[in-house]
Amino acid sequence: MRNKITLIIMMVFLVIGNLSAQHIKDSDKSYRLLELSNELLKDSLSSQKESINSGSDKKSPAISILLSALLPGAGHFYAGRMDVGAYFLGAEAAMWLGIFGVNYYGGILEDDSRSFAAVHAGLNKDGKDDDYFANVGSFLSIYQYNNDKLQSGQYDKIYDINTHFWNWDSQSNQGEFDQQRKKSERTYNLSTIFVTGLIINRLVSGISSLVLTNKVNSSGIKVSSGFTQSPGNKIDGIKLNFVKSF
């Protein structure tokens, strides 16, 4: 902040000095003295400008990448380029909405399918895992399932009839339940697409914020000044040139 104030003060003195030169008519010595003063001011001005560009106004690429990893768009906000960051922030919000949406809808489908099985297969759905309901959808009854495990020698997978009983009232209802169960699983699996999108969004946002931060740091304003002279080496005006690089 102090460097910026100093820069402004120097520019004011530079303008005042150049305006004073208009009143100098024939004194070559005074003119040369003023011209030397002008050059010194220009050098100081250039030095102050470089100090500002290399000082507090510069942004850290590492911070912009870290912010983008935490929240896409935050790194762009840090670099002063929220016009670009808004797209990454919007994509982030859309991905999270997608995750919540598919999990909510998948939960509804799962509850409906398990309630359907409780009615038509006589099972108790409380405290059962996904593997249990997958077996309910594959076998007409717990007896059929347990016999299959006995024949294959998988004794550790046999269910207790008192706690895991089921017996479908029809094969069509069993098939309908299995379709509903698989639909809920497919819906849940959609969340992996959105999670992948979150990761990609962070990577692209980090790269974008890095590029824009470096671009902001490399930009600057060059200031130059001088006199405008009429024939006879008389000073009749001043000129200030501001050049911004991108």
Protein backbone atom coordinates (compact mmCIF):
# COMPACT_ATOMS: atom_id res chain seq x y z
CA MET A 1 0.00 0.00 0.00
CA ARG A 2 2.84 2.36 0.88
CA ASN A 3 4.52 1.63 -2.47
CA LYS A 4 1.32 2.52 -4.31
CA ILE A 5 0.99 5.83 -2.48
CA THR A 6 4.61 6.64 -3.26
CA LEU A 7 4.00 5.81 -6.92
CA ILE A 8 1.04 8.16 -7.08
CA ILE A 9 2.99 10.98 -5.40
CA MET A 10 5.86 10.56 -7.86
CA MET A 11 3.48 10.68 -10.81
CA VAL A 12 1.96 13.90 -9.47
CA PHE A 13 5.40 15.49 -9.12
CA LEU A 14 6.29 14.30 -12.59
CA VAL A 15 3.21 15.96 -14.08
CA ILE A 16 3.81 19.16 -12.10
CA GLY A 17 7.41 19.26 -13.25
CA ASN A 18 6.45 18.80 -16.87
CA LEU A 19 3.79 21.48 -16.65
CA SER A 20 6.35 23.88 -15.20
CA ALA A 21 8.54 23.27 -18.22
CA GLN A 22 6.00 25.01 -20.46
CA HIS A 23 6.96 28.33 -18.84
CA ILE A 24 10.64 27.90 -19.65
CA LYS A 25 11.39 29.80 -22.85
CA ASP A 26 15.03 30.55 -23.57
CA SER A 27 17.02 29.26 -20.60
CA ASP A 28 18.86 26.19 -21.91
CA LYS A 29 20.50 25.64 -18.53
CA SER A 30 17.19 25.58 -16.71
CA TYR A 31 15.77 23.33 -19.41
CA ARG A 32 18.61 20.81 -19.05
CA LEU A 33 18.23 20.85 -15.27
CA LEU A 34 14.54 20.19 -15.55
CA GLU A 35 15.11 17.45 -18.11
CA LEU A 36 17.60 15.74 -15.76
CA SER A 37 15.09 15.98 -12.92
CA ASN A 38 12.47 14.47 -15.19
CA GLU A 39 14.70 11.50 -16.02
CA LEU A 40 15.41 10.89 -12.33
CA LEU A 41 11.71 10.91 -11.56
CA LYS A 42 11.04 8.50 -14.40
CA ASP A 43 13.68 6.10 -13.09
CA SER A 44 12.22 6.25 -9.58
CA LEU A 45 8.74 5.74 -10.98
CA SER A 46 9.84 2.69 -12.93
CA SER A 47 11.59 1.28 -9.86
CA GLN A 48 8.49 1.76 -7.71
CA LYS A 49 6.31 0.12 -10.34
CA GLU A 50 8.55 -2.95 -10.50
CA SER A 51 8.49 -3.12 -6.70
CA ILE A 52 4.70 -3.15 -6.71
CA ASN A 53 4.49 -5.81 -9.41
CA SER A 54 6.97 -8.04 -7.59
CA GLY A 55 5.56 -7.39 -4.12
CA SER A 56 2.19 -7.72 -2.48
CA ASP A 57 0.23 -7.63 -5.75
CA LYS A 58 1.70 -10.93 -6.89
CA LYS A 59 -0.35 -14.06 -6.33
CA SER A 60 1.02 -17.42 -5.24
CA PRO A 61 0.38 -20.20 -7.80
CA ALA A 62 0.64 -22.78 -5.01
CA ILE A 63 -2.14 -21.08 -3.03
CA SER A 64 -4.37 -20.86 -6.11
CA ILE A 65 -3.93 -24.60 -6.77
CA LEU A 66 -4.61 -25.46 -3.11
CA LEU A 67 -7.76 -23.34 -3.07
CA SER A 68 -8.95 -24.96 -6.30
CA ALA A 69 -8.41 -28.40 -4.77
CA LEU A 70 -10.54 -27.44 -1.78
CA LEU A 71 -13.23 -25.68 -3.80
CA PRO A 72 -13.07 -25.24 -7.59
CA GLY A 73 -13.34 -21.55 -8.43
CA ALA A 74 -11.71 -20.42 -5.18
CA GLY A 75 -8.29 -20.28 -6.84
CA HIS A 76 -9.72 -18.10 -9.62
CA PHE A 77 -11.29 -15.81 -7.03
CA TYR A 78 -7.88 -15.51 -5.36
CA ALA A 79 -6.32 -14.61 -8.73
CA GLY A 80 -9.06 -12.07 -9.47
CA ARG A 81 -10.53 -14.13 -12.32
CA MET A 82 -13.90 -15.20 -10.97
CA ASP A 83 -15.31 -14.67 -14.48
CA VAL A 84 -13.67 -18.03 -15.27
CA GLY A 85 -13.94 -19.53 -11.78
CA ALA A 86 -17.73 -19.20 -11.81
CA TYR A 87 -17.94 -22.05 -14.34
CA PHE A 88 -15.91 -24.40 -12.13
CA LEU A 89 -17.91 -23.41 -9.07
CA GLY A 90 -21.14 -24.05 -10.96
CA ALA A 91 -19.89 -27.46 -12.11
CA GLU A 92 -18.98 -28.30 -8.49
CA ALA A 93 -22.48 -27.44 -7.30
CA ALA A 94 -24.02 -29.50 -10.11
CA MET A 95 -21.90 -32.54 -9.24
CA TRP A 96 -22.90 -32.42 -5.57
CA LEU A 97 -26.54 -32.02 -6.49
CA GLY A 98 -26.18 -35.05 -8.74
CA ILE A 99 -24.66 -37.12 -5.93
CA PHE A 100 -27.39 -36.19 -3.46
CA GLY A 101 -30.05 -36.70 -6.11
CA VAL A 102 -29.05 -40.22 -7.17
CA ASN A 103 -28.51 -41.33 -3.56
CA TYR A 104 -31.91 -39.99 -2.55
CA TYR A 105 -33.66 -41.63 -5.50
CA GLY A 106 -31.69 -44.87 -5.03
CA GLY A 107 -32.75 -44.92 -1.38
CA ILE A 108 -36.40 -44.59 -2.36
CA LEU A 109 -36.10 -47.47 -4.83
CA GLU A 110 -34.30 -49.61 -2.26
CA ASP A 111 -36.90 -49.01 0.45
CA ASP A 112 -39.75 -49.71 -1.96
CA SER A 113 -38.20 -52.98 -3.14
CA ARG A 114 -37.51 -54.21 0.40
CA SER A 115 -40.99 -53.29 1.56
CA PHE A 116 -42.35 -55.21 -1.42
CA ALA A 117 -40.28 -58.25 -0.39
CA ALA A 118 -41.49 -57.99 3.20
CA VAL A 119 -45.09 -58.23 1.98
CA HIS A 120 -44.69 -60.93 -0.69
CA ALA A 121 -41.86 -63.02 0.81
CA GLY A 122 -42.70 -62.66 4.51
CA LEU A 123 -39.24 -61.52 5.53
CA ASN A 124 -38.06 -59.12 8.20
CA LYS A 125 -36.05 -56.42 6.39
CA ASP A 126 -34.52 -54.84 9.50
CA GLY A 127 -30.79 -55.33 10.04
CA LYS A 128 -30.18 -57.19 6.78
CA ASP A 129 -27.29 -56.43 4.44
CA ASP A 130 -27.24 -56.08 0.66
CA ASP A 131 -26.01 -59.67 0.15
CA TYR A 132 -29.08 -60.99 1.94
CA PHE A 133 -31.47 -59.14 -0.37
CA ALA A 134 -29.45 -60.24 -3.40
CA ASN A 135 -30.01 -63.85 -2.29
CA VAL A 136 -33.71 -63.15 -1.68
CA GLY A 137 -33.93 -62.01 -5.29
CA SER A 138 -32.11 -65.12 -6.55
CA PHE A 139 -33.86 -67.88 -4.59
CA LEU A 140 -37.56 -68.55 -4.07
CA SER A 141 -37.10 -69.41 -0.38
CA ILE A 142 -34.52 -69.68 2.37
CA TYR A 143 -34.83 -73.49 2.09
CA GLN A 144 -33.78 -73.43 -1.54
CA TYR A 145 -30.90 -71.12 -0.70
CA ASN A 146 -29.64 -73.20 2.26
CA ASN A 147 -29.83 -76.43 0.24
CA ASP A 148 -27.72 -74.79 -2.48
CA LYS A 149 -25.06 -73.81 0.07
CA LEU A 150 -25.09 -77.29 1.66
CA GLN A 151 -24.51 -78.91 -1.71
CA SER A 152 -21.61 -76.60 -2.51
CA GLY A 153 -20.06 -77.01 0.95
CA GLN A 154 -20.43 -73.32 1.89
CA TYR A 155 -21.64 -74.02 5.41
CA ASP A 156 -20.61 -70.63 6.75
CA LYS A 157 -23.12 -68.94 4.44
CA ILE A 158 -26.19 -70.84 5.62
CA TYR A 159 -28.90 -68.58 7.09
CA ASP A 160 -30.74 -69.08 10.35
CA ILE A 161 -34.39 -69.73 9.49
CA ASN A 162 -35.61 -67.90 12.59
CA THR A 163 -33.88 -64.62 11.69
CA HIS A 164 -33.50 -64.67 7.88
CA PHE A 165 -36.63 -66.42 6.72
CA TRP A 166 -38.22 -65.67 3.33
CA ASN A 167 -40.57 -67.56 1.05
CA TRP A 168 -41.95 -65.91 -2.10
CA ASP A 169 -45.65 -66.19 -2.79
CA SER A 170 -44.98 -66.28 -6.54
CA GLN A 171 -42.04 -66.40 -8.92
CA SER A 172 -43.29 -63.31 -10.74
CA ASN A 173 -43.16 -61.26 -7.53
CA GLN A 174 -39.64 -62.53 -6.92
CA GLY A 175 -38.64 -61.39 -10.40
CA GLU A 176 -40.25 -58.00 -9.90
CA PHE A 177 -38.39 -57.51 -6.62
CA ASP A 178 -35.08 -58.47 -8.20
CA GLN A 179 -35.60 -55.94 -10.99
CA GLN A 180 -36.38 -53.18 -8.49
CA ARG A 181 -33.34 -54.11 -6.40
CA LYS A 182 -31.02 -54.01 -9.41
CA LYS A 183 -32.49 -50.69 -10.50
CA SER A 184 -31.69 -49.19 -7.11
CA GLU A 185 -28.12 -50.50 -7.36
CA ARG A 186 -27.68 -48.98 -10.82
CA THR A 187 -28.97 -45.67 -9.48
CA TYR A 188 -26.50 -45.76 -6.59
CA ASN A 189 -23.68 -46.56 -9.02
CA LEU A 190 -24.38 -43.32 -10.89
CA SER A 191 -22.86 -41.48 -7.95
CA THR A 192 -19.44 -42.78 -8.98
CA ILE A 193 -19.77 -40.79 -12.21
CA PHE A 194 -20.38 -37.60 -10.25
CA VAL A 195 -17.53 -38.36 -7.85
CA THR A 196 -15.22 -38.79 -10.84
CA GLY A 197 -16.54 -35.48 -12.14
CA LEU A 198 -15.64 -33.81 -8.84
CA ILE A 199 -12.07 -35.05 -9.12
CA ILE A 200 -11.71 -33.98 -12.76
CA ASN A 201 -13.26 -30.59 -12.01
CA ARG A 202 -10.66 -30.00 -9.29
CA LEU A 203 -7.78 -31.00 -11.54
CA VAL A 204 -8.89 -28.79 -14.42
CA SER A 205 -9.72 -25.93 -12.05
CA GLY A 206 -6.26 -26.18 -10.48
CA ILE A 207 -4.52 -26.09 -13.85
CA SER A 208 -6.68 -23.19 -15.03
CA SER A 209 -6.10 -21.16 -11.86
CA LEU A 210 -2.35 -21.82 -12.10
CA VAL A 211 -2.22 -20.54 -15.68
CA LEU A 212 -4.31 -17.47 -14.89
CA THR A 213 -2.37 -16.69 -11.70
CA ASN A 214 0.90 -16.76 -13.63
CA LYS A 215 -0.71 -14.60 -16.30
CA VAL A 216 -1.84 -12.06 -13.71
CA ASN A 217 1.64 -11.99 -12.19
CA SER A 218 3.30 -11.42 -15.55
CA SER A 219 1.01 -8.53 -16.49
CA GLY A 220 1.98 -4.99 -15.56
CA ILE A 221 1.79 -1.34 -16.53
CA LYS A 222 4.72 0.51 -18.03
CA VAL A 223 4.76 4.27 -17.63
CA SER A 224 6.85 6.64 -19.74
CA SER A 225 6.84 10.41 -20.03
CA GLY A 226 8.48 13.18 -21.98
CA PHE A 227 8.16 16.65 -23.47
CA THR A 228 6.61 17.67 -26.74
CA GLN A 229 8.69 20.33 -28.43
CA SER A 230 8.09 22.81 -31.15
CA PRO A 231 10.76 23.98 -33.59
CA GLY A 232 13.43 25.95 -31.80
CA ASN A 233 13.59 23.51 -28.87
CA LYS A 234 10.76 25.24 -27.13
CA ILE A 235 8.64 23.10 -24.85
CA ASP A 236 4.97 23.32 -25.64
CA GLY A 237 3.54 20.28 -23.83
CA ILE A 238 4.06 16.98 -22.03
CA LYS A 239 3.13 13.39 -22.76
CA LEU A 240 2.51 10.37 -20.52
CA ASN A 241 2.33 6.86 -22.01
CA PHE A 242 0.71 3.97 -20.14
CA VAL A 243 1.30 0.52 -21.64
CA LYS A 244 -0.32 -2.58 -20.07
CA SER A 245 1.09 -5.95 -21.00
CA PHE A 246 -0.87 -9.21 -20.93
